[in-house]
Protein backbone atom coordinates (compact mmCIF):
# COMPACT_ATOMS: atom_id res chain seq x y z
CA MET A 1 87.30 127.01 125.04
CA TYR A 2 89.19 130.17 125.52
CA GLN A 3 92.09 130.78 123.45
CA SER A 4 93.90 132.42 125.83
CA LYS A 5 94.08 129.29 128.01
CA LEU A 6 94.10 126.69 124.82
CA PHE A 7 97.81 125.26 123.68
CA THR A 8 98.28 126.44 120.13
CA PRO A 9 101.89 127.13 119.17
CA THR A 10 100.84 128.26 115.45
CA LEU A 11 103.88 129.39 113.03
CA LYS A 12 104.40 131.45 110.35
CA GLU A 13 106.70 129.32 108.51
CA ALA A 14 106.89 125.66 108.42
CA PRO A 15 110.10 123.60 109.20
CA SER A 16 112.31 122.85 106.08
CA GLU A 17 111.51 119.14 106.48
CA ALA A 18 108.09 119.60 106.03
CA GLN A 19 107.05 119.08 102.13
CA ILE A 20 103.47 118.13 101.73
CA PRO A 21 100.51 120.69 102.47
CA SER A 22 99.10 117.87 105.42
CA HIS A 23 102.54 117.84 107.41
CA ILE A 24 103.49 121.53 106.61
CA LEU A 25 99.92 122.89 107.72
CA MET A 26 99.84 120.19 110.85
CA LEU A 27 102.59 122.03 112.34
CA ARG A 28 102.10 125.51 111.22
CA ALA A 29 98.64 125.56 112.94
CA GLY A 30 99.82 123.87 116.22
CA LEU A 31 98.34 120.33 115.44
CA VAL A 32 101.54 118.41 115.95
CA ARG A 33 104.89 118.53 116.84
CA GLN A 34 107.63 116.25 115.65
CA LEU A 35 109.59 113.88 118.40
CA GLY A 36 111.60 112.03 116.10
CA ALA A 37 111.96 110.43 113.05
CA GLY A 38 108.20 109.07 111.63
CA ILE A 39 107.11 109.93 115.70
CA PHE A 40 104.66 112.55 116.37
CA SER A 41 103.19 114.15 119.10
CA PHE A 42 99.41 115.33 118.85
CA LEU A 43 98.64 118.97 120.92
CA PRO A 44 95.47 119.15 122.09
CA LEU A 45 93.85 120.89 119.12
CA GLY A 46 95.01 118.06 117.18
CA TYR A 47 94.20 115.41 119.67
CA ARG A 48 90.39 117.14 119.40
CA ILE A 49 90.36 116.23 115.53
CA VAL A 50 91.62 112.43 116.11
CA LYS A 51 88.78 112.00 118.90
CA LYS A 52 86.51 113.13 116.64
CA VAL A 53 87.85 110.61 113.89
CA MET A 54 87.77 108.14 116.46
CA GLY A 55 84.06 108.59 117.35
CA ILE A 56 82.62 108.35 113.70
CA ILE A 57 84.75 105.29 113.16
CA ARG A 58 83.66 103.72 116.67
CA THR A 59 79.99 104.52 115.59
CA GLU A 60 80.12 103.13 112.35
CA MET A 61 81.96 99.72 113.71
CA ASP A 62 79.29 99.40 116.46
CA ARG A 63 76.65 100.24 113.58
CA ILE A 64 77.47 96.50 111.84
CA GLY A 65 77.98 94.76 115.31
CA GLY A 66 81.41 95.37 116.52
CA GLN A 67 82.79 94.68 119.70
CA GLU A 68 85.38 96.77 120.73
CA PHE A 69 89.13 95.24 122.64
CA HIS A 70 92.17 96.84 123.64
CA LEU A 71 95.05 94.51 122.97
CA PRO A 72 98.89 94.90 124.16
CA ALA A 73 101.05 96.52 121.74
CA LEU A 74 103.97 94.47 123.28
CA ASN A 75 103.59 90.72 122.08
CA PRO A 76 105.36 87.50 122.53
CA ILE A 77 107.30 86.75 119.55
CA GLU A 78 106.48 82.86 119.59
CA ILE A 79 103.18 83.68 118.36
CA TRP A 80 104.24 85.73 115.56
CA GLU A 81 106.80 83.10 114.43
CA GLN A 82 103.83 80.11 114.16
CA THR A 83 102.47 82.41 110.93
CA GLY A 84 105.77 83.28 109.40
CA ARG A 85 105.16 86.39 110.10
CA VAL A 86 108.61 87.69 111.90
CA GLU A 87 110.72 86.75 109.07
CA ALA A 88 108.00 88.37 106.31
CA MET A 89 108.00 91.77 108.41
CA GLY A 90 111.68 91.59 108.44
CA ASP A 91 113.17 94.66 109.59
CA VAL A 92 109.83 96.68 109.65
CA MET A 93 109.38 94.74 113.25
CA PHE A 94 110.40 96.29 116.40
CA HIS A 95 112.54 93.90 118.45
CA ILE A 96 112.50 94.96 122.49
CA LYS A 97 116.28 94.14 122.55
CA ASN A 98 116.51 93.75 126.43
CA ARG A 99 113.72 91.59 126.48
CA ASP A 100 114.03 88.35 124.46
CA GLY A 101 111.05 87.23 122.90
CA LEU A 102 108.97 90.25 122.72
CA VAL A 103 108.12 92.68 120.02
CA LEU A 104 105.86 95.46 119.30
CA ALA A 105 102.66 94.69 117.32
CA PRO A 106 102.72 96.22 113.80
CA THR A 107 98.81 94.88 113.81
CA HIS A 108 97.25 92.29 115.54
CA GLU A 109 96.07 89.46 113.42
CA GLU A 110 98.02 87.08 115.17
CA ILE A 111 96.73 87.87 118.59
CA MET A 112 93.02 88.21 117.67
CA THR A 113 93.24 84.34 116.40
CA TYR A 114 95.07 83.57 119.57
CA HIS A 115 92.21 84.88 121.90
CA ALA A 116 89.71 83.02 119.38
CA ARG A 117 91.67 80.09 119.37
CA GLN A 118 91.09 79.87 122.89
CA HIS A 119 87.22 80.27 123.18
CA VAL A 120 85.80 80.21 119.86
CA LYS A 121 84.57 76.72 119.62
CA SER A 122 81.61 76.43 117.95
CA TYR A 123 80.04 77.40 114.51
CA ARG A 124 77.29 78.89 117.37
CA ASP A 125 80.01 80.97 118.39
CA MET A 126 80.25 83.15 115.05
CA PRO A 127 79.84 85.75 113.64
CA GLN A 128 81.89 87.45 115.42
CA ILE A 129 83.55 91.29 114.75
CA TRP A 130 86.10 92.17 117.36
CA TYR A 131 87.80 95.59 116.73
CA GLN A 132 89.73 97.76 118.84
CA ILE A 133 91.61 101.32 118.40
CA GLN A 134 95.18 101.56 119.13
CA THR A 135 98.43 102.24 118.56
CA LYS A 136 100.97 100.60 116.36
CA PHE A 137 104.43 100.26 115.58
CA ARG A 138 106.18 99.71 112.32
CA ASN A 139 110.32 100.52 111.93
CA GLU A 140 109.62 102.48 108.67
CA PRO A 141 113.17 102.99 106.83
CA ARG A 142 111.87 105.97 105.32
CA PRO A 143 109.45 107.56 107.72
CA LYS A 144 108.24 111.02 105.86
CA SER A 145 105.32 112.89 104.78
CA GLY A 146 104.24 113.86 108.16
CA VAL A 147 102.07 111.29 109.86
CA LEU A 148 101.29 109.66 106.51
CA ARG A 149 104.08 107.18 107.40
CA GLY A 150 105.38 107.11 110.76
CA ARG A 151 106.81 105.06 112.97
CA GLN A 152 103.87 104.97 115.59
CA PHE A 153 100.71 106.02 114.44
CA THR A 154 96.80 105.00 115.58
CA MET A 155 94.81 102.30 113.49
CA LYS A 156 91.32 100.95 113.99
CA ASP A 157 91.88 97.35 113.12
CA SER A 158 89.00 94.65 113.48
CA TYR A 159 88.77 90.96 112.54
CA SER A 160 85.73 88.99 111.64
CA LEU A 161 85.38 85.38 112.80
CA ASP A 162 82.89 83.33 110.63
CA ASN A 163 81.82 79.58 110.21
CA SER A 164 81.72 79.64 106.50
CA TRP A 165 83.00 81.26 103.37
CA GLU A 166 79.77 83.03 102.56
CA ALA A 167 79.39 84.10 105.99
CA LEU A 168 83.04 85.87 105.40
CA ASP A 169 81.44 87.73 102.06
CA THR A 170 78.70 88.80 104.85
CA SER A 171 80.96 90.48 107.07
CA TYR A 172 83.39 91.71 104.37
CA ASP A 173 80.66 93.13 102.65
CA LYS A 174 79.60 95.03 106.42
CA HIS A 175 83.03 96.32 106.78
CA ALA A 176 83.50 98.02 103.19
CA GLU A 177 79.96 99.53 103.63
CA ALA A 178 81.10 100.91 107.01
CA TYR A 179 84.07 102.19 105.32
CA ARG A 180 82.30 103.67 102.90
CA GLU A 181 80.08 105.79 105.98
CA ILE A 182 83.45 106.28 107.28
CA TYR A 183 85.30 107.99 105.14
CA LYS A 184 81.69 109.82 104.27
CA LYS A 185 81.08 111.66 107.47
CA SER A 186 85.03 112.47 107.30
CA GLY A 187 84.39 114.31 104.67
CA LEU A 188 86.94 112.84 101.56
CA LYS A 189 86.37 112.32 98.39
CA PHE A 190 87.76 108.31 98.15
CA PHE A 191 87.32 105.68 95.89
CA VAL A 192 88.27 101.88 96.11
CA VAL A 193 90.57 99.90 94.23
CA GLY A 194 91.52 96.45 93.94
CA ALA A 195 94.73 95.25 95.92
CA SER A 196 97.46 92.91 96.96
CA SER A 197 97.13 91.53 99.98
CA GLY A 198 100.55 91.22 100.48
CA SER A 199 102.22 89.85 103.60
CA MET A 200 98.84 89.84 105.35
CA GLY A 201 98.08 86.44 102.91
CA GLY A 202 94.07 85.40 101.95
CA SER A 203 92.20 86.03 99.02
CA ASP A 204 90.30 89.44 98.25
CA SER A 205 91.33 92.56 99.84
CA GLN A 206 90.57 96.27 98.91
CA GLU A 207 92.26 99.20 99.38
CA PHE A 208 90.11 102.97 99.50
CA MET A 209 92.09 105.50 98.16
CA VAL A 210 92.09 109.23 98.34
CA GLU A 211 93.85 110.95 95.00
CA SER A 212 96.63 113.17 95.51
CA SER A 213 99.91 114.08 93.71
CA PHE A 214 101.75 113.34 96.96
CA GLY A 215 100.79 109.99 97.54
CA GLU A 216 102.92 106.78 97.58
CA ASP A 217 100.05 104.28 96.06
CA THR A 218 99.78 104.37 92.12
CA CYS A 219 96.79 103.36 91.05
CA ALA A 220 95.17 102.52 87.26
CA ILE A 221 91.54 103.92 87.37
CA CYS A 222 89.11 104.64 84.43
CA ASP A 223 86.71 107.59 84.85
CA ILE A 224 84.23 106.37 82.34
CA SER A 225 83.82 102.73 83.24
CA GLY A 226 84.69 102.99 87.04
CA TYR A 227 87.62 100.48 87.30
CA ALA A 228 90.18 100.82 89.59
CA ALA A 229 92.99 99.22 91.24
CA ASN A 230 95.99 99.51 92.96
CA ILE A 231 98.91 99.09 90.57
CA GLU A 232 100.17 95.90 92.20
CA VAL A 233 97.44 94.37 90.62
CA ALA A 234 95.85 96.32 88.14
CA THR A 235 95.23 94.60 84.49
CA SER A 236 94.33 96.27 81.24
CA ALA A 237 92.98 94.98 77.97
CA LEU A 238 96.16 94.16 75.86
CA GLN A 239 95.88 90.76 73.71
CA PRO A 240 98.56 88.77 73.42
CA ILE A 241 101.15 89.15 70.59
CA GLY A 242 100.66 85.62 69.52
CA ARG A 243 102.13 83.22 66.69
CA ILE A 244 103.61 83.93 63.42
CA GLN A 245 103.90 82.53 60.64
CA SER A 246 107.70 80.74 61.18
CA ASP A 247 109.07 77.45 61.63
CA ASP A 248 112.44 78.48 61.76
CA LEU A 249 114.51 77.07 64.34
CA PRO A 250 116.83 78.78 67.20
CA SER A 251 119.54 80.75 65.76
CA LYS A 252 122.08 82.26 68.08
CA PHE A 253 123.87 85.00 67.20
CA ALA A 254 126.75 87.86 68.25
CA THR A 255 125.18 90.82 70.13
CA PRO A 256 128.16 92.50 71.94
CA HIS A 257 126.69 95.52 72.13
CA ALA A 258 123.40 94.98 72.80
CA LYS A 259 122.52 94.90 76.58
CA THR A 260 118.67 96.34 76.66
CA ILE A 261 115.82 95.53 74.41
CA ASN A 262 116.12 99.15 73.21
CA ASP A 263 119.66 98.23 72.21
CA LEU A 264 118.38 95.06 70.61
CA VAL A 265 115.77 97.31 68.62
CA ASP A 266 117.98 100.25 67.55
CA GLN A 267 120.67 97.92 66.20
CA PHE A 268 119.18 94.66 64.57
CA CYS A 269 115.00 96.69 63.76
CA PHE A 270 113.74 93.56 65.90
CA ASP A 271 109.81 94.31 66.37
CA LYS A 272 110.10 95.59 70.47
CA ASN A 273 107.10 93.25 71.52
CA ARG A 274 109.12 90.19 69.81
CA CYS A 275 111.86 90.65 71.85
CA ALA A 276 111.43 88.06 75.17
CA LYS A 277 113.04 90.01 78.17
CA SER A 278 114.30 87.69 81.26
CA VAL A 279 114.10 88.76 84.86
CA ILE A 280 115.59 85.83 87.17
CA TYR A 281 114.05 86.36 90.74
CA ILE A 282 114.38 84.60 94.24
CA ALA A 283 111.47 83.56 95.92
CA ASP A 284 111.76 82.14 99.39
CA SER A 285 115.23 80.48 98.57
CA LYS A 286 113.97 79.06 94.60
CA PRO A 287 115.50 80.62 91.60
CA TYR A 288 112.40 81.78 88.78
CA LEU A 289 112.62 82.78 85.37
CA ILE A 290 110.25 85.09 84.38
CA LEU A 291 109.68 86.11 80.57
CA MET A 292 107.95 89.68 79.76
CA ARG A 293 107.12 91.47 76.40
CA GLY A 294 109.76 93.88 74.82
CA ASN A 295 110.21 96.53 77.61
CA ASP A 296 107.17 95.46 80.27
CA GLU A 297 108.02 95.90 83.77
CA LEU A 298 107.69 93.08 86.37
CA ASN A 299 105.24 93.53 88.50
CA GLU A 300 106.58 92.13 92.03
CA ALA A 301 103.59 92.02 93.80
CA LYS A 302 101.21 90.19 91.10
CA PHE A 303 104.31 87.36 90.62
CA GLN A 304 104.57 86.76 94.18
CA HIS A 305 100.90 86.43 95.05
CA PHE A 306 101.03 84.10 91.95
CA ILE A 307 103.58 81.77 93.08
CA GLY A 308 102.52 82.42 97.23
CA ALA A 309 105.99 83.07 98.46
CA ILE A 310 106.24 84.76 101.40
CA GLN A 311 109.46 86.68 100.42
CA CYS A 312 110.36 87.73 96.50
CA ARG A 313 113.51 89.70 95.27
CA ALA A 314 115.38 90.19 92.39
CA ALA A 315 118.67 88.06 91.87
CA ASP A 316 122.19 89.84 92.30
CA PRO A 317 124.54 89.68 89.75
CA ASP A 318 126.50 87.24 91.19
CA GLU A 319 123.36 84.18 91.83
CA LEU A 320 122.46 85.75 87.91
CA LEU A 321 125.75 84.54 86.66
CA HIS A 322 125.92 81.08 88.79
CA ILE A 323 122.08 80.25 87.76
CA THR A 324 122.67 81.47 83.89
CA GLY A 325 125.83 81.25 83.14
CA ALA A 326 125.38 85.18 81.78
CA HIS A 327 125.04 89.16 82.56
CA ALA A 328 122.27 90.54 82.77
CA GLY A 329 120.80 91.46 79.50
CA SER A 330 122.19 88.08 77.71
CA ILE A 331 119.93 86.15 79.94
CA GLY A 332 117.24 84.00 78.36
CA PRO A 333 115.16 80.22 78.82
CA ILE A 334 117.01 77.76 76.66
CA GLY A 335 119.33 75.54 78.33
CA ILE A 336 118.31 77.15 81.71
CA SER A 337 119.19 75.37 84.58
CA SER A 338 116.29 72.76 85.58
CA THR A 339 116.68 74.18 88.87
CA CYS A 340 115.19 77.32 87.23
CA THR A 341 111.07 77.31 87.05
CA ILE A 342 110.08 79.83 83.88
CA TYR A 343 107.02 81.43 83.73
CA ALA A 344 105.70 83.93 80.96
CA ASP A 345 103.33 87.16 80.94
CA ASN A 346 99.79 86.46 78.99
CA LEU A 347 101.08 88.88 76.10
CA LEU A 348 103.67 86.04 75.59
CA LYS A 349 101.05 83.28 75.22
CA ASP A 350 102.18 80.31 73.01
CA ALA A 351 104.20 83.04 71.28
CA ASN A 352 106.77 82.31 68.91
CA GLY A 353 109.62 84.04 66.31
CA LEU A 354 111.03 85.53 69.17
CA ILE A 355 114.39 87.17 70.33
CA CYS A 356 115.64 85.66 74.16
CA GLY A 357 119.06 86.26 75.52
CA ALA A 358 121.44 83.09 74.81
CA ASN A 359 122.69 82.68 78.92
CA GLU A 360 126.11 83.71 77.18
CA ASP A 361 127.30 86.93 77.57
CA GLY A 362 127.05 89.27 73.91
CA TYR A 363 125.17 86.39 72.38
CA HIS A 364 121.06 86.02 71.83
CA TYR A 365 118.94 83.89 69.85
CA SER A 366 116.26 83.98 67.32
CA SER A 367 113.24 82.53 66.22
CA LEU A 368 112.51 81.19 70.14
CA ASP A 369 109.18 79.17 70.16
CA LEU A 370 107.51 78.37 73.73
CA LEU A 371 106.09 75.79 72.75
CA ARG A 372 108.49 74.13 71.07
CA ASP A 373 111.98 75.34 72.70
CA THR A 374 111.23 75.81 76.62
CA ASN A 375 108.93 74.32 78.75
CA VAL A 376 107.12 77.62 80.61
CA HIS A 377 105.61 75.83 83.52
CA ALA A 378 102.51 78.62 83.71
CA TYR A 379 101.37 81.95 81.68
CA ALA A 380 99.94 84.75 84.14
CA ASP A 381 99.45 88.82 84.11
CA PHE A 382 102.87 89.85 85.63
CA ARG A 383 103.24 93.28 84.15
CA VAL A 384 102.98 96.57 85.24
CA VAL A 385 99.96 98.62 83.62
CA HIS A 386 100.57 101.99 82.10
CA ALA A 387 98.78 105.07 81.49
CA GLY A 388 97.02 104.64 78.06
CA GLU A 389 95.90 100.95 77.95
CA PRO A 390 92.61 99.67 77.42
CA CYS A 391 90.51 99.39 80.39
CA ILE A 392 89.37 95.48 80.61
CA ASN A 393 85.78 97.44 81.11
CA GLY A 394 85.35 98.80 77.80
CA ASN A 395 88.53 99.35 76.36
CA ASN A 396 88.55 103.04 77.49
CA PRO A 397 91.89 104.30 78.39
CA LEU A 398 93.15 104.20 81.67
CA ARG A 399 94.23 107.05 83.96
CA ILE A 400 97.87 106.14 86.23
CA VAL A 401 97.33 108.28 89.67
CA ASN A 402 99.12 108.66 92.82
CA ALA A 403 96.73 108.19 96.03
CA ILE A 404 97.13 108.21 99.78
CA GLU A 405 95.67 104.84 101.12
CA VAL A 406 93.13 105.38 103.99
CA GLY A 407 92.36 101.91 104.24
CA HIS A 408 92.48 98.43 103.37
CA ILE A 409 90.00 95.40 104.00
CA PHE A 410 91.36 91.44 103.41
CA LYS A 411 89.64 88.24 103.59
CA LEU A 412 92.68 86.37 105.32
CA GLY A 413 90.63 82.90 104.85
CA THR A 414 92.27 80.51 107.14
CA ARG A 415 96.12 81.58 107.06
CA TYR A 416 96.17 82.75 110.68
CA SER A 417 93.40 79.59 112.13
CA GLN A 418 95.20 77.13 110.42
CA ALA A 419 98.75 78.36 111.67
CA LEU A 420 97.45 78.80 115.10
CA GLY A 421 95.82 76.09 115.48
CA ALA A 422 92.04 78.39 115.82
CA THR A 423 89.25 75.90 115.08
CA PHE A 424 85.29 75.43 115.88
CA VAL A 425 83.38 72.38 115.60
CA ASP A 426 80.61 72.12 112.93
CA GLU A 427 76.94 71.04 113.37
CA GLN A 428 78.44 67.13 111.95
CA GLY A 429 80.99 67.42 114.78
CA LYS A 430 83.80 68.00 112.67
CA ASP A 431 86.64 70.34 113.23
CA HIS A 432 87.50 73.62 110.68
CA PRO A 433 89.63 76.75 111.09
CA ILE A 434 87.76 79.86 111.70
CA ILE A 435 87.49 81.65 108.68
CA MET A 436 88.66 85.48 109.17
CA GLY A 437 88.70 88.61 108.15
CA SER A 438 91.17 91.49 108.93
CA TYR A 439 90.03 95.56 108.39
CA GLY A 440 92.38 98.28 108.95
CA ILE A 441 91.95 102.25 109.10
CA GLY A 442 94.81 104.73 109.35
CA VAL A 443 93.39 107.23 111.74
CA GLU A 444 96.09 109.81 111.15
CA ARG A 445 95.77 109.08 107.78
CA ILE A 446 92.26 110.13 107.62
CA ILE A 447 93.04 113.65 109.32
CA ALA A 448 95.58 114.12 106.63
CA CYS A 449 93.73 113.01 103.92
CA ALA A 450 91.50 115.99 104.78
CA ILE A 451 94.01 118.45 104.71
CA GLU A 452 95.53 117.33 101.54
CA GLN A 453 91.64 117.87 99.97
CA ASN A 454 90.62 120.91 101.82
CA HIS A 455 92.99 123.67 101.77
CA ASP A 456 94.13 126.90 100.41
CA ASP A 457 97.20 129.37 100.65
CA LYS A 458 95.98 130.62 103.61
CA GLY A 459 95.54 127.09 106.31
CA ILE A 460 93.17 124.27 106.47
CA MET A 461 89.64 124.23 105.54
CA TRP A 462 88.15 121.34 108.15
CA PRO A 463 85.08 119.54 107.30
CA LEU A 464 82.70 119.94 110.04
CA SER A 465 82.30 116.35 111.22
CA ILE A 466 86.28 116.49 112.16
CA ALA A 467 86.63 120.06 113.00
CA PRO A 468 88.55 120.55 116.57
CA TYR A 469 85.57 123.41 117.17
CA HIS A 470 82.19 124.04 115.20
CA VAL A 471 82.17 127.82 115.50
CA HIS A 472 85.94 129.72 115.98
CA LEU A 473 84.48 133.01 117.66
CA LEU A 474 87.08 136.21 117.20
CA GLY A 475 86.52 138.82 119.17
CA LEU A 476 87.85 142.31 117.70
CA GLY A 477 89.40 145.10 120.33
CA LEU A 478 88.23 143.23 123.41
CA HIS A 479 90.97 145.41 125.31
CA LYS A 480 89.44 148.71 124.43
CA SER A 481 85.47 147.55 124.60
CA ALA A 482 83.45 146.27 127.33
CA GLU A 483 80.30 145.68 125.19
CA ALA A 484 82.37 143.60 122.62
CA VAL A 485 83.75 141.81 125.58
CA LYS A 486 80.21 141.28 127.10
CA ALA A 487 78.71 139.78 123.71
CA CYS A 488 81.27 137.21 122.81
CA SER A 489 81.35 136.28 126.40
CA ASP A 490 77.36 135.33 125.78
CA ILE A 491 77.95 134.46 122.34
CA HIS A 492 80.17 132.06 123.89
CA THR A 493 77.99 130.57 126.45
CA MET A 494 75.15 130.30 124.20
CA LEU A 495 76.73 128.12 121.75
CA GLU A 496 78.13 125.99 124.37
CA ASN A 497 74.92 125.09 126.37
CA SER A 498 73.47 124.72 123.10
CA GLY A 499 75.80 121.94 122.06
CA ILE A 500 78.05 124.06 119.40
CA GLU A 501 81.55 123.83 120.34
CA CYS A 502 83.21 127.05 120.29
CA LEU A 503 86.75 128.45 120.23
CA PHE A 504 86.68 132.03 121.69
CA ASP A 505 89.86 133.99 120.59
CA ASP A 506 90.10 136.24 123.23
CA ARG A 507 93.37 137.38 123.30
CA ASP A 508 94.55 140.25 123.21
CA ILE A 509 96.57 140.66 119.75
CA SER A 510 95.62 142.45 116.65
CA PRO A 511 92.55 141.52 114.33
CA GLY A 512 95.05 140.76 111.54
CA ILE A 513 96.35 138.09 113.47
CA LYS A 514 93.78 136.75 114.71
CA PHE A 515 92.13 136.15 110.95
CA ASN A 516 95.51 134.57 110.17
CA ASP A 517 95.31 132.41 113.00
CA ALA A 518 91.89 131.40 112.14
CA ASP A 519 92.19 130.91 108.65
CA LEU A 520 95.30 128.63 109.05
CA ILE A 521 93.62 126.32 111.91
CA GLY A 522 90.45 125.87 109.49
CA ILE A 523 87.63 125.37 111.94
CA THR A 524 84.50 125.58 109.47
CA PHE A 525 82.64 128.56 110.60
CA GLN A 526 84.41 132.18 111.80
CA LEU A 527 82.07 134.42 114.02
CA ILE A 528 82.90 137.97 113.87
CA VAL A 529 82.10 139.98 116.81
CA GLY A 530 83.47 143.49 117.41
CA ASP A 531 82.40 147.65 117.70
CA LYS A 532 81.91 148.22 114.39
CA GLY A 533 79.34 144.86 114.08
CA LEU A 534 77.67 145.81 117.58
CA ASN A 535 77.56 149.01 116.46
CA GLN A 536 75.67 148.32 113.36
CA ARG A 537 73.69 145.87 115.40
CA GLN A 538 74.95 142.93 112.56
CA LEU A 539 77.43 140.16 113.17
CA GLU A 540 79.43 138.28 110.30
CA LEU A 541 79.71 134.72 109.73
CA LYS A 542 82.41 133.77 107.51
CA ILE A 543 81.93 129.96 106.25
CA ARG A 544 85.94 128.91 105.89
CA ALA A 545 86.03 126.71 102.99
CA THR A 546 84.09 129.10 100.67
CA GLY A 547 85.10 132.97 102.26
CA GLU A 548 80.90 132.77 101.71
CA ARG A 549 79.99 136.18 104.45
CA ILE A 550 76.69 135.91 106.35
CA LEU A 551 75.60 138.84 107.93
CA ILE A 552 73.28 138.47 111.24
CA PRO A 553 70.78 140.76 112.19
CA ILE A 554 70.98 141.28 116.27
CA SER A 555 68.56 142.62 118.31
CA GLU A 556 68.44 145.55 120.81
CA GLU A 557 68.26 143.57 124.47
CA TYR A 558 71.56 141.11 123.27
CA GLY A 559 70.57 138.72 125.73
CA GLY A 560 68.30 136.70 123.38
CA LEU A 561 70.59 136.06 120.72
CA THR A 562 67.85 134.36 118.83
CA ASN A 563 68.88 135.07 115.40
CA ILE A 564 73.04 134.17 115.79
CA LEU A 565 72.10 130.94 117.73
CA THR A 566 69.31 130.08 114.23
CA THR A 567 71.55 131.42 111.68
CA ILE A 568 74.38 129.32 113.07
CA GLN A 569 72.47 126.12 113.70
CA LYS A 570 71.22 126.27 110.16
CA GLN A 571 74.27 126.57 108.35
CA ILE A 572 75.67 123.48 110.58
CA ILE A 573 72.95 121.15 109.34
CA HIS A 574 73.26 122.85 105.79
CA ASN A 575 77.28 121.60 105.47
CA THR A 576 76.26 118.26 107.30
CA ILE A 577 73.52 117.30 104.82
CA GLN A 578 76.10 118.64 102.11
């Protein structure tokens, strides 16, 4: 491809709204242009990379027996209403105002299940793996970070249909291995974490993460044991505070200036860990009181998953007052309304000698005994893990890192098949709901993460597998050297005929601009051709990522070009193996 004919509008500076490296460099390198908030157009160079990534994904999905679909983005809302996800998605789902009853699909579990209901009738019809690579729409309230959080994006979503839970395990494992191969072939350094299923539902789920200071996800990692989990489900080996020797009954005392746990500790010298903080949440319109140790934070995702709620939120001040009779800072489990179910974190398991709010502003109770004084419905791990806490695998300290999610796999089970009536008949003639899995990869996220992990102050350094071209041929002084023009033309033709994708910078501009643009665009290999090298009968091959320069001797008769081709082929093979 001749660069003079390629639409690549590079920029010296990025627009001010671009804050993270991938967003800045995708704009500067002419890969994308922003059309609106969270809406991007991929330009020719950028779309070549998109197709490279999609090719890797297709190869690995086909390898595990996937069959490719292309489903409509425009969906009848009634199908989504049957699974309850219109309400669960809330404002994230786009609704078509001038065509009642239609929505833009943020994902396709419902539609795949709809088609399975029509045609998968017997246990003999399974297993099935159906996938597509298609546009999705989500009304992100705060689109940011370039293509990492957009309102329109490309996703590979696949779905497994099985007739047993054991078969689901097999389909899930196949996807997990395919995802690992996809990320390896895309040149990403990644890790896998246990995760919350969120509004997707189901049981097990795992996220594939790329560590990044700009990531919106938070993960707990143990570098020694290999433990890794999204903060939404991460746990640690902290032990419950246990019971102390005390038979004292609860005693109300005035705390007029104590509205937080720290206030209680500072003013009354209490042990922070024996202060039981109460928080009120509304889940599916029902009130819940959750007891936490000291300043521990409630992990909303853990709580919502534990009780199986579709919607979950903190109570507002008016609701707090109505439910408890007090404002935040004075709430507790003693005398709470029977309509409010009480849960407690595992670290408070059967504890006594606790301090809690008295459900009266400016008052607390001492000597709360959870076994004696209140009815805890259940104990569970509800807290947010913090850095330095002991790992559950060996007690080594946990590290808390930011990360970017590049893929998520779910064991859906029968949630969608039951809601939509997708059943099959087993060997005995009995009906059962189809057992499903769902598996998603963000195409643009792979590209952005590759840039986040592979860039310097000059620009991008593409992994060879997803680089827009293999070689960037930089022709120097072409306007004044017929020999350089012929050499570049011959090399360009030879590389293309040999299956090596080549972008030939034939523009009539200074060498400095060509070098700057080449480093910015970041094609894996740069082949530099000019009078100086031709006169010395050697050309220079620069490896973009390392800056290494390889001198390639060339023959007197330029038609052979054997050394150039052989050297580049060896470097491509070496780069691919690495």
